[in-house]
N, C-alpha and C. Protein backbone atom coordinates (compact mmCIF):
# COMPACT_ATOMS: atom_id res chain seq x y z
N MET A 1 121.56 287.87 214.73
CA MET A 1 122.07 288.43 213.53
C MET A 1 121.05 289.46 213.06
N ARG A 2 121.46 290.57 212.57
CA ARG A 2 120.54 291.64 212.11
C ARG A 2 121.01 292.28 210.80
N ILE A 3 120.12 292.39 209.87
CA ILE A 3 120.46 292.98 208.57
C ILE A 3 119.92 294.47 208.60
N ASN A 4 120.83 295.36 208.27
CA ASN A 4 120.56 296.86 208.33
C ASN A 4 120.67 297.43 207.01
N ASN A 5 119.87 298.57 206.77
CA ASN A 5 120.05 299.32 205.58
C ASN A 5 120.09 298.52 204.24
N LEU A 6 119.26 297.63 204.07
CA LEU A 6 119.18 296.80 202.90
C LEU A 6 118.58 297.67 201.68
N ARG A 7 119.40 297.65 200.57
CA ARG A 7 118.97 298.28 199.41
C ARG A 7 119.46 297.47 198.18
N TYR A 8 118.87 297.76 197.04
CA TYR A 8 119.27 297.15 195.79
C TYR A 8 119.99 298.13 194.88
N ASN A 9 121.22 297.78 194.49
CA ASN A 9 121.96 298.67 193.61
C ASN A 9 121.71 298.13 192.19
N ALA A 10 121.02 298.86 191.51
CA ALA A 10 120.70 298.30 190.06
C ALA A 10 121.82 298.47 189.15
N SER A 11 122.73 299.31 189.36
CA SER A 11 123.96 299.42 188.47
C SER A 11 124.80 298.25 188.63
N SER A 12 124.90 297.73 189.79
CA SER A 12 125.70 296.52 189.94
C SER A 12 124.99 295.16 189.99
N GLY A 13 123.58 295.24 190.13
CA GLY A 13 122.83 294.11 190.15
C GLY A 13 122.98 293.34 191.55
N ALA A 14 123.00 294.10 192.64
CA ALA A 14 123.32 293.42 193.94
C ALA A 14 122.59 294.05 195.00
N PHE A 15 122.18 293.20 195.93
CA PHE A 15 121.58 293.78 197.23
C PHE A 15 122.82 294.05 198.18
N GLU A 16 122.66 295.22 198.92
CA GLU A 16 123.78 295.67 199.74
C GLU A 16 123.13 295.99 201.15
N ALA A 17 123.92 295.55 202.20
CA ALA A 17 123.43 295.78 203.57
C ALA A 17 124.59 295.65 204.49
N SER A 18 124.42 296.21 205.64
CA SER A 18 125.32 295.87 206.72
C SER A 18 124.65 294.87 207.65
N VAL A 19 125.49 293.90 208.04
CA VAL A 19 124.89 292.79 208.81
C VAL A 19 125.67 292.69 210.09
N ASP A 20 124.84 292.79 211.25
CA ASP A 20 125.44 292.65 212.57
C ASP A 20 125.35 291.22 213.10
N ILE A 21 126.60 290.84 213.67
CA ILE A 21 126.66 289.47 214.14
C ILE A 21 127.27 289.60 215.58
N GLN A 22 126.63 288.90 216.61
CA GLN A 22 127.16 288.95 217.91
C GLN A 22 127.97 287.69 218.11
N ARG A 23 129.29 287.96 218.67
CA ARG A 23 130.17 286.89 218.90
C ARG A 23 130.86 287.24 220.23
N ASP A 24 130.88 286.23 221.08
CA ASP A 24 131.69 286.42 222.38
C ASP A 24 131.20 287.66 223.10
N GLY A 25 129.93 287.92 223.08
CA GLY A 25 129.44 289.17 223.77
C GLY A 25 129.67 290.45 223.08
N ARG A 26 130.23 290.45 221.94
CA ARG A 26 130.51 291.63 221.20
C ARG A 26 129.77 291.73 219.89
N MET A 27 129.36 292.89 219.39
CA MET A 27 128.68 293.02 218.13
C MET A 27 129.63 293.46 217.06
N PHE A 28 129.58 292.79 215.87
CA PHE A 28 130.47 293.09 214.78
C PHE A 28 129.67 293.32 213.55
N ARG A 29 129.93 294.38 212.73
CA ARG A 29 129.20 294.79 211.53
C ARG A 29 129.99 294.51 210.34
N TYR A 30 129.41 293.92 209.39
CA TYR A 30 129.99 293.55 208.22
C TYR A 30 129.24 294.03 206.99
N PRO A 31 129.94 294.75 206.08
CA PRO A 31 129.29 295.24 204.79
C PRO A 31 129.22 294.04 203.87
N CYS A 32 127.93 293.74 203.44
CA CYS A 32 127.71 292.64 202.62
C CYS A 32 127.06 293.05 201.25
N GLU A 33 127.37 292.17 200.27
CA GLU A 33 126.84 292.32 198.89
C GLU A 33 126.42 290.92 198.33
N LEU A 34 125.24 290.88 197.74
CA LEU A 34 124.65 289.70 197.19
C LEU A 34 124.19 289.96 195.81
N PHE A 35 124.93 289.40 194.76
CA PHE A 35 124.58 289.64 193.39
C PHE A 35 123.36 288.66 193.09
N ALA A 36 122.15 289.27 192.80
CA ALA A 36 121.00 288.55 192.54
C ALA A 36 119.98 289.47 191.86
N PRO A 37 118.99 288.84 191.27
CA PRO A 37 117.89 289.64 190.53
C PRO A 37 117.11 290.35 191.67
N GLN A 38 116.60 291.56 191.37
CA GLN A 38 115.81 292.29 192.31
C GLN A 38 114.46 291.60 192.62
N THR A 39 114.07 290.63 191.90
CA THR A 39 112.89 289.86 192.26
C THR A 39 113.13 288.65 193.16
N MET A 40 114.33 288.54 193.66
CA MET A 40 114.57 287.38 194.52
C MET A 40 113.68 287.41 195.79
N GLU A 41 113.37 286.29 196.33
CA GLU A 41 112.53 286.21 197.49
C GLU A 41 113.26 286.78 198.68
N PRO A 42 112.57 287.54 199.63
CA PRO A 42 113.08 288.05 200.74
C PRO A 42 113.88 287.09 201.67
N ALA A 43 113.33 285.91 201.87
CA ALA A 43 114.09 285.01 202.72
C ALA A 43 115.43 284.50 202.04
N SER A 44 115.45 284.50 200.76
CA SER A 44 116.73 284.01 200.11
C SER A 44 117.67 285.16 200.17
N ILE A 45 117.19 286.45 200.04
CA ILE A 45 118.11 287.57 200.24
C ILE A 45 118.70 287.65 201.68
N ALA A 46 117.93 287.38 202.67
CA ALA A 46 118.43 287.50 204.08
C ALA A 46 119.40 286.31 204.27
N ALA A 47 119.05 285.11 203.69
CA ALA A 47 119.98 284.00 203.86
C ALA A 47 121.26 284.12 203.22
N GLY A 48 121.29 284.75 202.02
CA GLY A 48 122.49 284.97 201.34
C GLY A 48 123.37 286.08 202.02
N LEU A 49 122.78 287.09 202.42
CA LEU A 49 123.48 288.17 203.19
C LEU A 49 124.08 287.63 204.42
N ALA A 50 123.25 286.88 205.19
CA ALA A 50 123.71 286.21 206.42
C ALA A 50 124.96 285.36 206.25
N ALA A 51 124.81 284.54 205.26
CA ALA A 51 125.91 283.55 204.92
C ALA A 51 127.19 284.29 204.67
N ARG A 52 127.14 285.43 203.86
CA ARG A 52 128.26 286.21 203.57
C ARG A 52 128.91 286.80 204.87
N ALA A 53 128.05 287.34 205.64
CA ALA A 53 128.57 287.92 206.95
C ALA A 53 129.22 286.87 207.81
N LEU A 54 128.67 285.67 207.90
CA LEU A 54 129.16 284.68 208.74
C LEU A 54 130.61 284.24 208.23
N ARG A 55 130.73 284.18 206.85
CA ARG A 55 132.02 283.77 206.25
C ARG A 55 133.06 284.89 206.63
N MET A 56 132.65 286.13 206.51
CA MET A 56 133.55 287.21 206.89
C MET A 56 133.95 287.21 208.38
N SER A 57 132.92 286.85 209.20
CA SER A 57 133.21 286.81 210.61
C SER A 57 134.14 285.59 210.93
N ASP A 58 133.93 284.47 210.36
CA ASP A 58 134.73 283.34 210.56
C ASP A 58 136.25 283.57 210.12
N THR A 59 136.29 284.32 208.95
CA THR A 59 137.64 284.64 208.47
C THR A 59 138.44 285.53 209.47
N ALA A 60 137.72 286.41 210.02
CA ALA A 60 138.39 287.44 210.92
C ALA A 60 138.76 286.70 212.17
N ARG A 61 138.15 285.59 212.55
CA ARG A 61 138.58 284.87 213.80
C ARG A 61 139.76 284.09 213.54
N GLY A 62 140.16 283.66 212.26
CA GLY A 62 141.15 282.72 212.02
C GLY A 62 142.54 283.39 212.39
């Protein structure tokens, strides 16, 4: 999994990024948003964005 183009959108109060997930030998990219304070720990930001991307990926497989 890879997080790309991470930025903080102050007007919406959210971190935004595209997250790449490899499944079945193919790469999928998901636009993700995590509503959190700008002072959130980097590891928590990464975990939150990754969880959102995985949920989107699992939904797409259903």
